[in-house]
Amino acid sequence: MDMNKMMKQVAKMQQELEKAQDELADAEVTGTSGGGLVSVTVTGKGEFTSVQINPDAVDPDDPTMLEDLVLAAINDAVRSQQEMAEERLSGLGAGMKIPGMPGMPGF
């Protein structure tokens, strides 16, 4: 592969990566727990934008249950955000064969 062609591929890949990162920044996913009693929304960049707690989840005699529901919703949102990021970024670099680059096709 000639150097000029490789540089064009790298530039194209960088543009695609920037586009995917911009799309992720605008995307949001919601994690839930307790059958929807608690929901947490996070952006593709990992910034939490909202927490919603149904009043039925609030038991003054058992605050630990609410804490557990919030943690479970956060973990669900983080998992969803990571899956979304992997899905959108997974195709970048496909077909790019750079010798010596781990994780790149052709290594």
C-alpha atoms as a PDB file:
ATOM      1  CA  MET A   1       0.000   0.000   0.000  1.00  0.00           C
ATOM      2  CA  ASP A   2       1.429   3.372  -0.899  1.00  0.00           C
ATOM      3  CA  MET A   3       1.815   6.033   1.788  1.00  0.00           C
ATOM      4  CA  ASN A   4      -0.533   8.523   0.101  1.00  0.00           C
ATOM      5  CA  LYS A   5      -3.380   6.012  -0.047  1.00  0.00           C
ATOM      6  CA  MET A   6      -2.802   5.017   3.569  1.00  0.00           C
ATOM      7  CA  MET A   7      -2.869   8.675   4.714  1.00  0.00           C
ATOM      8  CA  LYS A   8      -6.184   9.195   2.887  1.00  0.00           C
ATOM      9  CA  GLN A   9      -7.606   6.140   4.657  1.00  0.00           C
ATOM     10  CA  VAL A  10      -6.412   7.435   8.027  1.00  0.00           C
ATOM     11  CA  ALA A  11      -7.962  10.869   7.351  1.00  0.00           C
ATOM     12  CA  LYS A  12     -11.257   9.242   6.323  1.00  0.00           C
ATOM     13  CA  MET A  13     -11.238   7.058   9.422  1.00  0.00           C
ATOM     14  CA  GLN A  14     -10.602  10.115  11.612  1.00  0.00           C
ATOM     15  CA  GLN A  15     -13.567  11.947  10.030  1.00  0.00           C
ATOM     16  CA  GLU A  16     -15.789   8.916  10.591  1.00  0.00           C
ATOM     17  CA  LEU A  17     -14.640   8.695  14.209  1.00  0.00           C
ATOM     18  CA  GLU A  18     -15.399  12.372  14.803  1.00  0.00           C
ATOM     19  CA  LYS A  19     -18.840  11.963  13.239  1.00  0.00           C
ATOM     20  CA  ALA A  20     -19.576   8.910  15.405  1.00  0.00           C
ATOM     21  CA  GLN A  21     -18.417  10.777  18.526  1.00  0.00           C
ATOM     22  CA  ASP A  22     -20.703  13.713  17.659  1.00  0.00           C
ATOM     23  CA  GLU A  23     -23.623  11.325  17.171  1.00  0.00           C
ATOM     24  CA  LEU A  24     -22.869   9.689  20.524  1.00  0.00           C
ATOM     25  CA  ALA A  25     -22.773  13.066  22.245  1.00  0.00           C
ATOM     26  CA  ASP A  26     -26.327  13.741  21.048  1.00  0.00           C
ATOM     27  CA  ALA A  27     -27.675  10.256  21.781  1.00  0.00           C
ATOM     28  CA  GLU A  28     -29.288   9.248  25.054  1.00  0.00           C
ATOM     29  CA  VAL A  29     -30.175   5.903  26.601  1.00  0.00           C
ATOM     30  CA  THR A  30     -32.250   5.139  29.673  1.00  0.00           C
ATOM     31  CA  GLY A  31     -31.630   2.450  32.242  1.00  0.00           C
ATOM     32  CA  THR A  32     -34.410   1.215  34.499  1.00  0.00           C
ATOM     33  CA  SER A  33     -34.918  -0.943  37.541  1.00  0.00           C
ATOM     34  CA  GLY A  34     -37.756  -2.196  39.676  1.00  0.00           C
ATOM     35  CA  GLY A  35     -39.997  -2.678  36.665  1.00  0.00           C
ATOM     36  CA  GLY A  36     -39.680   1.000  35.765  1.00  0.00           C
ATOM     37  CA  LEU A  37     -39.888   2.420  39.295  1.00  0.00           C
ATOM     38  CA  VAL A  38     -36.510   4.098  38.794  1.00  0.00           C
ATOM     39  CA  SER A  39     -35.063   5.319  35.511  1.00  0.00           C
ATOM     40  CA  VAL A  40     -31.761   7.033  34.753  1.00  0.00           C
ATOM     41  CA  THR A  41     -30.885   8.716  31.460  1.00  0.00           C
ATOM     42  CA  VAL A  42     -27.301   9.064  30.230  1.00  0.00           C
ATOM     43  CA  THR A  43     -25.802  10.564  27.087  1.00  0.00           C
ATOM     44  CA  GLY A  44     -23.511   8.672  24.765  1.00  0.00           C
ATOM     45  CA  LYS A  45     -20.626  10.570  26.352  1.00  0.00           C
ATOM     46  CA  GLY A  46     -21.510   9.168  29.775  1.00  0.00           C
ATOM     47  CA  GLU A  47     -23.126  12.296  31.249  1.00  0.00           C
ATOM     48  CA  PHE A  48     -26.215  11.604  33.336  1.00  0.00           C
ATOM     49  CA  THR A  49     -29.071  13.910  32.437  1.00  0.00           C
ATOM     50  CA  SER A  50     -31.961  12.743  34.586  1.00  0.00           C
ATOM     51  CA  VAL A  51     -33.117  10.471  37.369  1.00  0.00           C
ATOM     52  CA  GLN A  52     -36.800   9.670  37.753  1.00  0.00           C
ATOM     53  CA  ILE A  53     -38.158   7.937  40.821  1.00  0.00           C
ATOM     54  CA  ASN A  54     -41.736   6.761  41.000  1.00  0.00           C
ATOM     55  CA  PRO A  55     -43.264   7.609  44.404  1.00  0.00           C
ATOM     56  CA  ASP A  56     -44.130   3.913  44.818  1.00  0.00           C
ATOM     57  CA  ALA A  57     -40.371   3.237  45.088  1.00  0.00           C
ATOM     58  CA  VAL A  58     -40.072   5.398  48.192  1.00  0.00           C
ATOM     59  CA  ASP A  59     -40.517   3.435  51.400  1.00  0.00           C
ATOM     60  CA  PRO A  60     -39.410   5.506  54.408  1.00  0.00           C
ATOM     61  CA  ASP A  61     -38.933   2.287  56.372  1.00  0.00           C
ATOM     62  CA  ASP A  62     -36.601   0.788  53.747  1.00  0.00           C
ATOM     63  CA  PRO A  63     -34.304   3.431  52.205  1.00  0.00           C
ATOM     64  CA  THR A  64     -31.831   0.701  51.228  1.00  0.00           C
ATOM     65  CA  MET A  65     -34.315  -0.638  48.673  1.00  0.00           C
ATOM     66  CA  LEU A  66     -34.450   2.752  46.917  1.00  0.00           C
ATOM     67  CA  GLU A  67     -30.663   3.015  46.980  1.00  0.00           C
ATOM     68  CA  ASP A  68     -30.422  -0.429  45.368  1.00  0.00           C
ATOM     69  CA  LEU A  69     -32.981   0.516  42.704  1.00  0.00           C
ATOM     70  CA  VAL A  70     -31.083   3.709  41.833  1.00  0.00           C
ATOM     71  CA  LEU A  71     -27.779   1.827  41.583  1.00  0.00           C
ATOM     72  CA  ALA A  72     -29.353  -0.857  39.424  1.00  0.00           C
ATOM     73  CA  ALA A  73     -30.839   1.769  37.080  1.00  0.00           C
ATOM     74  CA  ILE A  74     -27.477   3.553  36.828  1.00  0.00           C
ATOM     75  CA  ASN A  75     -25.708   0.288  36.021  1.00  0.00           C
ATOM     76  CA  ASP A  76     -28.358  -0.549  33.415  1.00  0.00           C
ATOM     77  CA  ALA A  77     -27.927   2.890  31.810  1.00  0.00           C
ATOM     78  CA  VAL A  78     -24.131   2.573  31.775  1.00  0.00           C
ATOM     79  CA  ARG A  79     -24.337  -0.876  30.147  1.00  0.00           C
ATOM     80  CA  SER A  80     -26.714   0.482  27.507  1.00  0.00           C
ATOM     81  CA  GLN A  81     -24.463   3.494  26.877  1.00  0.00           C
ATOM     82  CA  GLN A  82     -21.403   1.262  26.469  1.00  0.00           C
ATOM     83  CA  GLU A  83     -23.248  -1.067  24.084  1.00  0.00           C
ATOM     84  CA  MET A  84     -24.407   1.917  22.028  1.00  0.00           C
ATOM     85  CA  ALA A  85     -20.868   3.331  21.868  1.00  0.00           C
ATOM     86  CA  GLU A  86     -19.378  -0.036  20.871  1.00  0.00           C
ATOM     87  CA  GLU A  87     -22.047  -0.511  18.220  1.00  0.00           C
ATOM     88  CA  ARG A  88     -21.476   2.904  16.656  1.00  0.00           C
ATOM     89  CA  LEU A  89     -17.695   2.746  16.808  1.00  0.00           C
ATOM     90  CA  SER A  90     -17.206  -0.930  15.927  1.00  0.00           C
ATOM     91  CA  GLY A  91     -17.238  -0.437  12.170  1.00  0.00           C
ATOM     92  CA  LEU A  92     -14.556   2.227  12.198  1.00  0.00           C
ATOM     93  CA  GLY A  93     -11.282   0.990  10.853  1.00  0.00           C
ATOM     94  CA  ALA A  94     -12.815  -2.025   9.144  1.00  0.00           C
ATOM     95  CA  GLY A  95     -10.776  -2.884   6.122  1.00  0.00           C
ATOM     96  CA  MET A  96      -7.867  -0.765   7.294  1.00  0.00           C
ATOM     97  CA  LYS A  97      -4.776  -2.951   7.398  1.00  0.00           C
ATOM     98  CA  ILE A  98      -1.969  -1.344   9.310  1.00  0.00           C
ATOM     99  CA  PRO A  99       0.759  -3.831  10.185  1.00  0.00           C
ATOM    100  CA  GLY A 100       1.639  -3.871  13.851  1.00  0.00           C
ATOM    101  CA  MET A 101      -1.633  -2.307  15.062  1.00  0.00           C
ATOM    102  CA  PRO A 102      -3.327  -4.605  17.587  1.00  0.00           C
ATOM    103  CA  GLY A 103      -7.044  -4.961  17.087  1.00  0.00           C
ATOM    104  CA  MET A 104      -6.847  -3.837  13.478  1.00  0.00           C
ATOM    105  CA  PRO A 105      -7.650  -6.273  10.677  1.00  0.00           C
ATOM    106  CA  GLY A 106      -4.518  -7.749   9.248  1.00  0.00           C
ATOM    107  CA  PHE A 107      -2.634  -7.887  12.541  1.00  0.00           C
END
